[in-house]
């Protein structure tokens, strides 16, 4: 078999053979690390650590599991180790530059970054196992990932391996060095916790449809002209406005209107939005117009969650370092 020939060559130190063996799995392994860690940069780091560990430990691959399952075992455990590292725990949110309104709900700080759709191309070609509960696109949505990030790390990994990737309980137990019973028990708890946080799955939106483009275009036009009433009119009655990792969450049209009026558009602030996509959802690079010069400065990424002809969530990521992953600049000039 070609794979056996590549494996033999890779074990003799042939780097090109190793790349041929592992390249088909790089994209899905990075997304798996992202789902566990919530950070694209951390996922990239863990992917490199995974491949380095696989290269160094290739002689230990006995072929009892598939190469793909073996790589997932390394990646999962590397991510869990990273989550135990103080340096990779959720960062403390920066103090807000203004006093924010009292939120509808105060949650725990969750470190979550958006994931560019450009890096998701081809991911749907990797069919999950028969025991998977979530479709590939649903399992990369911000709502799903935010819910997953609230789980303890081990439960998080088990749920992702079982319900997203469709690995069997015996395979997950082997991956984590656990018993099947403990995996089953942890999965039950993870599913129950997720059920309380995830929205109705009937609201899952098919991306990039004419209806979606029309709604997103109207939102962008209203947001750029600072029309709070028009923006709020597009929201569902129970829409959420969140800003990870800040633990402050605002729900409903009145709360959103108050936040937009007093914070986002205070002092006649105006923005420019550059369309992009993140997590299979419509998104924008957000830029704040300079009142004294023909320039706009980066102001993070804005991601929309849609429910039919309305918007059910607006998620604002204020870390400008993520713009580069979307191919977006730090400044715009007229």
Protein backbone atom coordinates (compact mmCIF):
# COMPACT_ATOMS: atom_id res chain seq x y z
CA UNK A 1 0.00 0.00 0.00
CA UNK A 2 1.11 3.56 -0.69
CA UNK A 3 0.56 4.56 2.95
CA UNK A 4 2.76 1.70 4.17
CA UNK A 5 5.49 2.76 1.75
CA UNK A 6 5.24 6.36 2.95
CA UNK A 7 5.30 5.20 6.55
CA UNK A 8 8.43 3.16 5.97
CA UNK A 9 10.15 6.08 4.28
CA UNK A 10 9.04 8.52 7.00
CA UNK A 11 10.46 6.23 9.70
CA UNK A 12 13.83 6.46 8.02
CA UNK A 13 13.74 10.25 8.34
CA UNK A 14 12.13 11.17 5.01
CA UNK A 15 10.41 14.48 5.80
CA UNK A 16 8.62 14.65 2.47
CA UNK A 17 7.04 11.24 3.09
CA UNK A 18 5.91 12.40 6.53
CA UNK A 19 4.29 15.49 5.01
CA UNK A 20 2.47 13.34 2.47
CA UNK A 21 1.19 11.15 5.30
CA UNK A 22 -0.01 13.99 7.51
CA UNK A 23 -1.02 16.79 5.11
CA UNK A 24 -4.52 15.31 4.50
CA UNK A 25 -5.25 15.74 8.23
CA UNK A 26 -3.67 19.13 8.95
CA UNK A 27 -6.78 21.24 8.38
CA UNK A 28 -9.14 19.07 10.42
CA UNK A 29 -6.60 18.69 13.23
CA UNK A 30 -6.22 22.46 13.47
CA UNK A 31 -10.00 22.91 13.64
CA UNK A 32 -10.16 20.21 16.34
CA UNK A 33 -7.56 22.10 18.38
CA UNK A 34 -9.49 25.32 17.82
CA UNK A 35 -12.69 23.75 19.09
CA UNK A 36 -10.94 22.67 22.27
CA UNK A 37 -8.94 25.86 22.87
CA UNK A 38 -11.18 28.54 21.33
CA UNK A 39 -8.19 30.35 19.84
CA UNK A 40 -6.89 30.19 16.28
CA UNK A 41 -3.36 31.14 17.31
CA UNK A 42 -3.30 28.50 20.05
CA UNK A 43 -4.71 25.97 17.59
CA UNK A 44 -1.90 26.71 15.14
CA UNK A 45 0.64 26.23 17.92
CA UNK A 46 -0.92 22.94 18.98
CA UNK A 47 -1.02 21.67 15.41
CA UNK A 48 2.71 22.27 15.10
CA UNK A 49 3.34 20.56 18.44
CA UNK A 50 1.19 17.63 17.35
CA UNK A 51 3.07 17.15 14.08
CA UNK A 52 6.42 17.48 15.82
CA UNK A 53 5.41 14.89 18.42
CA UNK A 54 4.15 12.58 15.66
CA UNK A 55 7.39 12.95 13.72
CA UNK A 56 9.47 12.17 16.78
CA UNK A 57 7.22 9.30 17.87
CA UNK A 58 6.55 7.68 14.52
CA UNK A 59 8.36 4.51 15.52
CA UNK A 60 5.78 4.12 18.29
CA UNK A 61 2.86 4.07 15.83
CA UNK A 62 1.94 0.38 15.75
CA UNK A 63 -0.99 0.60 13.34
CA UNK A 64 -3.57 -0.75 15.80
CA UNK A 65 -5.55 2.44 15.13
CA UNK A 66 -5.61 4.46 11.93
CA UNK A 67 -3.00 7.15 11.42
CA UNK A 68 -5.81 9.73 11.63
CA UNK A 69 -6.98 8.40 15.02
CA UNK A 70 -3.37 8.35 16.27
CA UNK A 71 -2.89 12.00 15.26
CA UNK A 72 -6.13 12.96 16.97
CA UNK A 73 -4.92 11.23 20.11
CA UNK A 74 -1.74 13.31 20.13
CA UNK A 75 -3.58 16.55 19.32
CA UNK A 76 -6.28 16.05 21.94
CA UNK A 77 -3.82 15.34 24.73
CA UNK A 78 -1.57 18.21 23.71
CA UNK A 79 -4.56 20.55 23.92
CA UNK A 80 -5.61 19.21 27.31
CA UNK A 81 -2.07 19.69 28.58
CA UNK A 82 -2.12 23.25 27.25
CA UNK A 83 -5.35 23.99 29.11
CA UNK A 84 -3.65 22.91 32.34
CA UNK A 85 -0.90 25.44 31.67
CA UNK A 86 -1.52 28.75 33.43
CA UNK A 87 -0.32 30.64 30.37
CA UNK A 88 -3.16 29.20 28.26
CA UNK A 89 -6.08 29.65 30.63
CA UNK A 90 -8.72 32.21 29.62
CA UNK A 91 -7.12 35.65 29.66
CA UNK A 92 -8.43 38.23 32.04
CA UNK A 93 -10.55 40.66 30.01
CA UNK A 94 -9.12 44.14 29.64
CA UNK A 95 -10.92 46.92 31.51
CA UNK A 96 -13.47 48.64 29.31
CA UNK A 97 -12.55 52.13 28.12
CA UNK A 98 -15.95 53.39 29.31
CA UNK A 99 -18.43 52.34 31.98
CA UNK A 100 -20.66 49.77 30.34
CA UNK A 101 -24.40 49.47 31.05
CA UNK A 102 -25.56 46.86 33.54
CA UNK A 103 -25.78 43.61 31.57
CA UNK A 104 -28.70 41.25 31.31
CA UNK A 105 -26.46 38.44 32.48
CA UNK A 106 -22.94 38.06 33.84
CA UNK A 107 -21.22 34.91 32.67
CA UNK A 108 -17.73 33.52 33.13
CA UNK A 109 -14.97 35.00 30.96
CA UNK A 110 -14.63 32.71 27.93
CA UNK A 111 -11.64 32.95 25.64
CA UNK A 112 -13.03 32.58 22.15
CA UNK A 113 -11.83 33.94 18.82
CA UNK A 114 -13.51 33.80 15.41
CA UNK A 115 -12.21 31.34 12.81
CA UNK A 116 -11.87 32.56 9.19
CA UNK A 117 -14.01 30.70 6.66
CA UNK A 118 -11.05 30.79 4.28
CA UNK A 119 -9.38 28.21 6.56
CA UNK A 120 -12.48 26.01 6.60
CA UNK A 121 -12.49 25.23 2.88
CA UNK A 122 -12.61 21.49 2.39
CA UNK A 123 -13.40 20.73 6.03
CA UNK A 124 -16.91 19.54 5.16
CA UNK A 125 -15.33 16.94 2.87
CA UNK A 126 -14.17 15.09 5.98
CA UNK A 127 -17.23 13.08 6.92
CA UNK A 128 -17.64 12.54 10.67
CA UNK A 129 -18.08 9.03 12.03
CA UNK A 130 -21.52 7.40 12.18
CA UNK A 131 -22.01 8.28 15.85
CA UNK A 132 -21.62 12.04 15.35
CA UNK A 133 -24.54 14.18 16.51
CA UNK A 134 -23.55 17.51 14.99
CA UNK A 135 -23.02 18.48 11.39
CA UNK A 136 -19.65 19.95 10.52
CA UNK A 137 -20.95 23.48 9.92
CA UNK A 138 -23.06 23.50 13.08
CA UNK A 139 -20.08 22.37 15.13
CA UNK A 140 -18.03 25.40 14.09
CA UNK A 141 -20.72 27.98 14.88
CA UNK A 142 -20.00 30.56 17.58
CA UNK A 143 -23.00 29.45 19.63
CA UNK A 144 -21.75 25.87 19.71
CA UNK A 145 -18.17 26.86 20.48
CA UNK A 146 -19.15 29.26 23.25
CA UNK A 147 -21.20 26.47 24.84
CA UNK A 148 -18.33 24.01 24.47
CA UNK A 149 -15.87 26.44 26.05
CA UNK A 150 -18.02 26.45 29.20
CA UNK A 151 -17.38 22.72 29.73
CA UNK A 152 -14.50 21.34 31.80
CA UNK A 153 -11.62 20.47 29.45
CA UNK A 154 -11.96 16.68 29.67
CA UNK A 155 -15.72 16.79 29.05
CA UNK A 156 -15.06 19.21 26.20
CA UNK A 157 -12.65 16.80 24.52
CA UNK A 158 -14.94 13.81 24.99
CA UNK A 159 -17.96 15.58 23.54
CA UNK A 160 -15.99 16.78 20.53
CA UNK A 161 -14.50 13.37 19.84
CA UNK A 162 -17.82 11.56 20.21
CA UNK A 163 -20.53 13.95 19.02
CA UNK A 164 -18.64 16.04 16.46
CA UNK A 165 -16.07 13.61 15.05
CA UNK A 166 -18.06 10.43 15.68
CA UNK A 167 -15.31 8.36 17.30
CA UNK A 168 -16.57 5.32 19.19
CA UNK A 169 -16.49 5.26 22.99
CA UNK A 170 -13.72 2.65 22.94
CA UNK A 171 -11.59 4.89 20.72
CA UNK A 172 -12.15 7.93 22.95
CA UNK A 173 -11.28 5.89 26.04
CA UNK A 174 -8.06 4.77 24.35
CA UNK A 175 -7.26 8.36 23.32
CA UNK A 176 -7.62 9.65 26.87
CA UNK A 177 -6.31 6.62 28.74
CA UNK A 178 -9.70 6.23 30.43
CA UNK A 179 -12.38 3.58 30.82
CA UNK A 180 -15.42 3.37 28.57
CA UNK A 181 -17.68 3.87 31.58
CA UNK A 182 -15.95 7.11 32.54
CA UNK A 183 -16.17 8.37 28.96
CA UNK A 184 -19.88 7.54 28.79
CA UNK A 185 -20.54 9.25 32.12
CA UNK A 186 -18.59 12.39 31.17
CA UNK A 187 -20.36 12.54 27.80
CA UNK A 188 -23.75 12.39 29.49
CA UNK A 189 -22.85 15.34 31.73
CA UNK A 190 -21.43 17.32 28.81
CA UNK A 191 -24.55 16.79 26.71
CA UNK A 192 -26.80 17.90 29.56
CA UNK A 193 -24.75 21.07 30.12
CA UNK A 194 -24.73 21.88 26.41
CA UNK A 195 -28.50 21.45 26.14
CA UNK A 196 -29.02 24.33 28.57
CA UNK A 197 -26.81 26.72 26.57
CA UNK A 198 -27.40 25.98 22.91
CA UNK A 199 -30.20 27.68 20.96
CA UNK A 200 -32.89 25.75 19.14
CA UNK A 201 -31.10 23.76 16.46
CA UNK A 202 -33.94 24.43 14.03
CA UNK A 203 -32.49 27.96 13.75
CA UNK A 204 -29.29 26.76 12.09
CA UNK A 205 -28.86 28.96 9.03
CA UNK A 206 -27.61 27.81 5.66
CA UNK A 207 -24.83 30.26 4.77
CA UNK A 208 -24.45 32.63 1.86
CA UNK A 209 -28.00 32.56 0.51
CA UNK A 210 -29.63 35.54 -1.27
CA UNK A 211 -31.83 36.07 1.79
CA UNK A 212 -28.80 36.13 4.04
CA UNK A 213 -26.91 38.55 1.78
CA UNK A 214 -29.87 40.95 1.71
CA UNK A 215 -30.18 40.99 5.50
CA UNK A 216 -26.45 41.34 6.05
CA UNK A 217 -26.28 44.18 3.54
CA UNK A 218 -29.06 46.06 5.32
CA UNK A 219 -27.32 45.56 8.65
CA UNK A 220 -24.02 46.91 7.32
CA UNK A 221 -25.67 49.99 5.82
CA UNK A 222 -27.58 50.76 9.03
CA UNK A 223 -24.53 50.18 11.24
CA UNK A 224 -22.29 52.41 9.12
CA UNK A 225 -24.72 55.31 9.30
CA UNK A 226 -25.24 54.83 13.05
CA UNK A 227 -28.95 54.09 12.71
CA UNK A 228 -29.69 52.36 16.01
CA UNK A 229 -33.42 51.95 15.31
CA UNK A 230 -32.76 50.23 11.99
CA UNK A 231 -30.16 47.89 13.50
CA UNK A 232 -32.41 46.97 16.43
CA UNK A 233 -35.37 46.34 14.10
CA UNK A 234 -33.40 43.49 12.50
CA UNK A 235 -32.85 41.72 15.83
CA UNK A 236 -35.00 38.96 17.24
CA UNK A 237 -36.84 39.82 20.47
CA UNK A 238 -34.36 37.71 22.46
CA UNK A 239 -31.19 38.55 20.53
CA UNK A 240 -27.87 38.54 22.40
CA UNK A 241 -25.08 41.10 22.20
CA UNK A 242 -21.79 39.73 23.56
CA UNK A 243 -18.09 40.68 23.55
CA UNK A 244 -15.86 37.70 24.44
CA UNK A 245 -13.93 37.47 26.70
CA UNK A 246 -15.91 40.14 28.60
CA UNK A 247 -18.47 38.31 30.79
CA UNK A 248 -21.14 40.95 30.13
CA UNK A 249 -24.08 39.80 28.00
CA UNK A 250 -27.00 41.91 26.79
CA UNK A 251 -30.27 40.33 25.66
CA UNK A 252 -33.27 41.80 23.89
CA UNK A 253 -33.93 44.83 21.74
CA UNK A 254 -34.11 47.41 24.56
CA UNK A 255 -30.77 46.29 26.00
CA UNK A 256 -29.17 46.30 22.55
CA UNK A 257 -30.56 49.74 21.74
CA UNK A 258 -29.25 51.15 25.00
CA UNK A 259 -25.80 49.65 24.45
CA UNK A 260 -25.53 50.87 20.86
CA UNK A 261 -26.72 54.38 21.74
CA UNK A 262 -24.58 54.90 24.83
CA UNK A 263 -21.46 52.92 23.93
CA UNK A 264 -20.98 51.91 20.28
CA UNK A 265 -22.27 55.12 18.71
CA UNK A 266 -21.52 57.53 21.54
CA UNK A 267 -20.30 61.00 20.57
CA UNK A 268 -21.50 60.43 16.98
CA UNK A 269 -18.99 57.65 16.37
CA UNK A 270 -19.17 56.15 12.88
CA UNK A 271 -17.76 52.92 11.52
CA UNK A 272 -16.81 51.25 8.27
CA UNK A 273 -17.51 47.55 7.85
CA UNK A 274 -15.54 45.27 5.52
CA UNK A 275 -17.42 42.03 4.76
CA UNK A 276 -15.79 38.71 5.58
CA UNK A 277 -16.93 35.36 6.99
CA UNK A 278 -16.14 33.58 10.24
CA UNK A 279 -17.32 30.22 11.59
CA UNK A 280 -19.60 29.83 8.53
CA UNK A 281 -21.35 33.04 9.59
CA UNK A 282 -21.45 36.54 8.07
CA UNK A 283 -18.86 38.81 9.64
CA UNK A 284 -17.16 42.19 9.22
CA UNK A 285 -13.84 43.76 9.90
CA UNK A 286 -14.90 46.78 11.95
CA UNK A 287 -13.14 50.14 11.61
CA UNK A 288 -13.75 53.33 13.59
CA UNK A 289 -13.63 56.50 11.51
CA UNK A 290 -11.13 59.10 12.68
CA UNK A 291 -12.97 62.37 13.28
CA UNK A 292 -9.92 64.43 12.27
CA UNK A 293 -8.45 62.55 9.31
CA UNK A 294 -9.61 60.49 6.31
CA UNK A 295 -8.67 57.24 7.98
CA UNK A 296 -10.41 54.46 9.91
CA UNK A 297 -8.72 52.43 12.64
CA UNK A 298 -9.25 48.73 13.30
CA UNK A 299 -11.91 48.00 15.88
CA UNK A 300 -12.07 44.20 15.86
CA UNK A 301 -14.35 41.69 14.17
CA UNK A 302 -18.15 41.67 14.24
CA UNK A 303 -19.93 38.33 13.68
CA UNK A 304 -23.66 37.89 13.09
CA UNK A 305 -25.77 34.86 13.96
CA UNK A 306 -28.92 34.66 11.85
CA UNK A 307 -32.33 33.14 12.53
CA UNK A 308 -34.45 33.23 9.40
CA UNK A 309 -34.90 36.87 8.35
CA UNK A 310 -33.54 38.27 11.62
CA UNK A 311 -30.35 38.46 13.64
CA UNK A 312 -30.29 36.42 16.83
CA UNK A 313 -26.81 37.38 18.06
CA UNK A 314 -24.18 40.04 17.47
CA UNK A 315 -20.74 39.02 18.73
CA UNK A 316 -17.98 41.59 18.90
CA UNK A 317 -14.32 40.57 19.13
CA UNK A 318 -12.21 43.58 20.05
CA UNK A 319 -8.76 41.98 19.67
CA UNK A 320 -7.31 43.63 16.57
CA UNK A 321 -4.55 41.03 16.27
CA UNK A 322 -7.05 38.58 14.76
CA UNK A 323 -7.63 40.83 11.73
CA UNK A 324 -4.50 39.52 10.02
CA UNK A 325 -5.96 36.00 9.95
CA UNK A 326 -8.81 37.40 7.85
CA UNK A 327 -6.47 39.23 5.49
CA UNK A 328 -7.68 42.59 6.83
CA UNK A 329 -5.49 45.65 7.47
CA UNK A 330 -5.13 47.64 10.69
CA UNK A 331 -6.20 50.87 9.01
CA UNK A 332 -8.34 52.00 6.08
CA UNK A 333 -7.65 55.17 4.13
CA UNK A 334 -10.03 57.03 1.86
